[in-house]
Amino acid sequence: MGGRQKGTPNKTTKKMKEAIETIINDQLIHRLGDDIEQLTPNERTKLLTALLRYYMPTIISQPDVDGQEVPIIIIEQGI
């Protein structure tokens, strides 16, 4: 049969992902850095605090029940 074999990456998809990555790295990240520098320290702190939830898992602590330890639940949050 013709066409690409099963498991072979799609070249167009790969090229699109690379193009989007280039745009994000060259434009968005540099511009975002400049914009963040123009914020007040209070605004910068609020922004970074809001972005942390996409970078780190949320930790929820549970109170002890009848003196027994209750495990901490970690909820993974992705972008």
N, C-alpha and C. Protein backbone atom coordinates (compact mmCIF):
# COMPACT_ATOMS: atom_id res chain seq x y z
N MET A 1 0.83 -1.18 0.00
CA MET A 1 0.00 0.00 0.00
C MET A 1 0.87 1.25 0.00
N GLY A 2 0.37 2.33 -0.55
CA GLY A 2 1.12 3.57 -0.63
C GLY A 2 0.98 4.41 0.63
N GLY A 3 1.63 5.54 0.61
CA GLY A 3 1.55 6.45 1.75
C GLY A 3 2.64 6.16 2.78
N ARG A 4 2.56 6.87 3.87
CA ARG A 4 3.58 6.67 4.91
C ARG A 4 3.22 5.48 5.79
N GLN A 5 4.22 4.92 6.38
CA GLN A 5 4.01 3.77 7.25
C GLN A 5 3.48 4.23 8.60
N LYS A 6 2.81 3.29 9.28
CA LYS A 6 2.26 3.58 10.60
C LYS A 6 3.39 3.99 11.54
N GLY A 7 3.17 5.07 12.28
CA GLY A 7 4.18 5.55 13.23
C GLY A 7 5.10 6.61 12.66
N THR A 8 5.08 6.81 11.35
CA THR A 8 5.92 7.84 10.74
C THR A 8 5.32 9.21 11.02
N PRO A 9 6.12 10.14 11.56
CA PRO A 9 5.58 11.47 11.88
C PRO A 9 5.10 12.21 10.63
N ASN A 10 4.06 13.00 10.79
CA ASN A 10 3.54 13.81 9.71
C ASN A 10 4.45 15.03 9.56
N LYS A 11 5.05 15.20 8.38
CA LYS A 11 6.01 16.29 8.15
C LYS A 11 5.37 17.67 8.25
N THR A 12 4.15 17.79 7.76
CA THR A 12 3.46 19.07 7.81
C THR A 12 3.19 19.48 9.26
N THR A 13 2.71 18.52 10.06
CA THR A 13 2.43 18.80 11.46
C THR A 13 3.72 19.20 12.18
N LYS A 14 4.81 18.50 11.90
CA LYS A 14 6.09 18.80 12.52
C LYS A 14 6.54 20.21 12.15
N LYS A 15 6.40 20.58 10.88
CA LYS A 15 6.80 21.91 10.43
C LYS A 15 5.95 22.99 11.09
N MET A 16 4.65 22.74 11.23
CA MET A 16 3.76 23.72 11.87
C MET A 16 4.13 23.90 13.33
N LYS A 17 4.40 22.80 14.04
CA LYS A 17 4.79 22.89 15.44
C LYS A 17 6.08 23.68 15.59
N GLU A 18 7.04 23.43 14.71
CA GLU A 18 8.31 24.17 14.75
C GLU A 18 8.09 25.65 14.47
N ALA A 19 7.21 25.98 13.52
CA ALA A 19 6.94 27.38 13.19
C ALA A 19 6.28 28.09 14.37
N ILE A 20 5.32 27.43 15.00
CA ILE A 20 4.64 28.02 16.16
C ILE A 20 5.62 28.21 17.31
N GLU A 21 6.48 27.22 17.53
CA GLU A 21 7.49 27.33 18.59
C GLU A 21 8.43 28.50 18.34
N THR A 22 8.82 28.70 17.09
CA THR A 22 9.70 29.81 16.73
C THR A 22 9.01 31.15 17.01
N ILE A 23 7.75 31.25 16.62
CA ILE A 23 7.00 32.49 16.86
C ILE A 23 6.90 32.76 18.35
N ILE A 24 6.57 31.74 19.11
CA ILE A 24 6.43 31.93 20.56
C ILE A 24 7.75 32.33 21.18
N ASN A 25 8.82 31.64 20.83
CA ASN A 25 10.13 31.95 21.40
C ASN A 25 10.64 33.32 20.98
N ASP A 26 10.48 33.66 19.71
CA ASP A 26 11.03 34.92 19.20
C ASP A 26 10.18 36.14 19.54
N GLN A 27 8.89 35.98 19.59
CA GLN A 27 8.01 37.13 19.76
C GLN A 27 7.40 37.22 21.15
N LEU A 28 6.61 36.23 21.47
CA LEU A 28 5.81 36.29 22.70
C LEU A 28 6.67 36.37 23.95
N ILE A 29 7.66 35.52 24.07
CA ILE A 29 8.47 35.49 25.29
C ILE A 29 9.25 36.79 25.46
N HIS A 30 9.87 37.30 24.40
CA HIS A 30 10.62 38.54 24.50
C HIS A 30 9.71 39.72 24.81
N ARG A 31 8.59 39.78 24.15
CA ARG A 31 7.64 40.88 24.38
C ARG A 31 7.05 40.78 25.78
N LEU A 32 6.73 39.58 26.20
CA LEU A 32 6.15 39.39 27.52
C LEU A 32 7.13 39.84 28.60
N GLY A 33 8.40 39.51 28.42
CA GLY A 33 9.42 39.94 29.36
C GLY A 33 9.49 41.46 29.46
N ASP A 34 9.43 42.12 28.32
CA ASP A 34 9.45 43.59 28.31
C ASP A 34 8.22 44.16 29.00
N ASP A 35 7.06 43.56 28.73
CA ASP A 35 5.82 44.02 29.34
C ASP A 35 5.83 43.82 30.85
N ILE A 36 6.36 42.69 31.30
CA ILE A 36 6.42 42.41 32.74
C ILE A 36 7.32 43.40 33.44
N GLU A 37 8.42 43.79 32.81
CA GLU A 37 9.33 44.76 33.40
C GLU A 37 8.66 46.12 33.61
N GLN A 38 7.66 46.45 32.80
CA GLN A 38 6.98 47.73 32.91
C GLN A 38 5.90 47.74 34.00
N LEU A 39 5.58 46.57 34.56
CA LEU A 39 4.57 46.51 35.62
C LEU A 39 5.15 47.02 36.93
N THR A 40 4.25 47.45 37.80
CA THR A 40 4.68 47.82 39.15
C THR A 40 5.02 46.54 39.90
N PRO A 41 5.80 46.63 40.97
CA PRO A 41 6.12 45.41 41.74
C PRO A 41 4.87 44.68 42.21
N ASN A 42 3.84 45.39 42.60
CA ASN A 42 2.59 44.77 43.05
C ASN A 42 1.91 44.02 41.90
N GLU A 43 1.84 44.64 40.73
CA GLU A 43 1.23 44.00 39.56
C GLU A 43 2.02 42.77 39.13
N ARG A 44 3.35 42.89 39.18
CA ARG A 44 4.23 41.78 38.80
C ARG A 44 4.02 40.59 39.74
N THR A 45 3.90 40.87 41.04
CA THR A 45 3.68 39.81 42.03
C THR A 45 2.35 39.12 41.79
N LYS A 46 1.31 39.88 41.51
CA LYS A 46 -0.01 39.30 41.23
C LYS A 46 0.03 38.42 39.98
N LEU A 47 0.70 38.88 38.95
CA LEU A 47 0.80 38.11 37.71
C LEU A 47 1.54 36.80 37.94
N LEU A 48 2.70 36.88 38.58
CA LEU A 48 3.49 35.67 38.81
C LEU A 48 2.76 34.69 39.71
N THR A 49 2.04 35.19 40.70
CA THR A 49 1.25 34.32 41.58
C THR A 49 0.16 33.62 40.78
N ALA A 50 -0.49 34.34 39.88
CA ALA A 50 -1.54 33.75 39.05
C ALA A 50 -0.97 32.70 38.10
N LEU A 51 0.24 32.93 37.57
CA LEU A 51 0.84 31.99 36.63
C LEU A 51 1.40 30.74 37.31
N LEU A 52 1.73 30.83 38.58
CA LEU A 52 2.29 29.69 39.29
C LEU A 52 1.38 28.47 39.27
N ARG A 53 0.08 28.67 39.25
CA ARG A 53 -0.84 27.53 39.28
C ARG A 53 -0.73 26.68 38.02
N TYR A 54 -0.20 27.25 36.94
CA TYR A 54 0.01 26.47 35.72
C TYR A 54 1.36 25.78 35.71
N TYR A 55 2.23 26.15 36.62
CA TYR A 55 3.59 25.61 36.67
C TYR A 55 3.76 24.57 37.76
N MET A 56 3.11 24.79 38.90
CA MET A 56 3.28 23.91 40.04
C MET A 56 1.95 23.26 40.41
N PRO A 57 1.97 22.03 40.94
CA PRO A 57 0.73 21.41 41.37
C PRO A 57 0.18 22.12 42.61
N THR A 58 -1.13 22.08 42.75
CA THR A 58 -1.79 22.68 43.90
C THR A 58 -1.76 21.69 45.05
N ILE A 59 -1.37 22.16 46.21
CA ILE A 59 -1.32 21.31 47.39
C ILE A 59 -2.48 21.68 48.30
N ILE A 60 -3.26 20.67 48.64
CA ILE A 60 -4.41 20.89 49.52
C ILE A 60 -4.14 20.12 50.82
N SER A 61 -4.05 20.83 51.92
CA SER A 61 -3.82 20.16 53.19
C SER A 61 -5.15 19.86 53.85
N GLN A 62 -5.23 18.71 54.48
CA GLN A 62 -6.43 18.28 55.17
C GLN A 62 -6.17 18.26 56.67
N PRO A 63 -7.13 18.70 57.46
CA PRO A 63 -6.93 18.68 58.92
C PRO A 63 -6.90 17.25 59.45
N ASP A 64 -6.25 17.08 60.59
CA ASP A 64 -6.22 15.77 61.24
C ASP A 64 -7.62 15.39 61.68
N VAL A 65 -7.95 14.12 61.51
CA VAL A 65 -9.24 13.60 61.93
C VAL A 65 -8.99 12.66 63.10
N ASP A 66 -9.48 13.01 64.27
CA ASP A 66 -9.28 12.18 65.47
C ASP A 66 -7.81 11.90 65.73
N GLY A 67 -6.95 12.89 65.48
CA GLY A 67 -5.54 12.73 65.76
C GLY A 67 -4.78 11.90 64.74
N GLN A 68 -5.44 11.43 63.69
CA GLN A 68 -4.77 10.63 62.67
C GLN A 68 -4.33 11.55 61.52
N GLU A 69 -3.19 11.21 60.98
CA GLU A 69 -2.69 12.00 59.86
C GLU A 69 -3.51 11.70 58.60
N VAL A 70 -3.83 12.75 57.90
CA VAL A 70 -4.54 12.61 56.64
C VAL A 70 -3.57 13.02 55.54
N PRO A 71 -3.42 12.21 54.50
CA PRO A 71 -2.45 12.56 53.46
C PRO A 71 -2.79 13.85 52.74
N ILE A 72 -1.76 14.49 52.24
CA ILE A 72 -1.93 15.71 51.44
C ILE A 72 -2.29 15.28 50.03
N ILE A 73 -3.25 15.94 49.45
CA ILE A 73 -3.70 15.63 48.10
C ILE A 73 -3.07 16.64 47.15
N ILE A 74 -2.43 16.15 46.11
CA ILE A 74 -1.82 17.04 45.12
C ILE A 74 -2.63 16.91 43.85
N ILE A 75 -3.15 18.04 43.38
CA ILE A 75 -3.95 18.07 42.17
C ILE A 75 -3.10 18.67 41.06
N GLU A 76 -2.83 17.89 40.03
CA GLU A 76 -2.04 18.37 38.89
C GLU A 76 -2.91 19.22 38.00
N GLN A 77 -2.41 20.39 37.63
CA GLN A 77 -3.13 21.26 36.72
C GLN A 77 -2.24 21.56 35.54
N GLY A 78 -2.70 21.25 34.35
CA GLY A 78 -1.93 21.52 33.16
C GLY A 78 -2.49 22.69 32.40
N ILE A 79 -1.73 23.12 31.42
CA ILE A 79 -2.18 24.25 30.60
C ILE A 79 -3.12 23.73 29.56
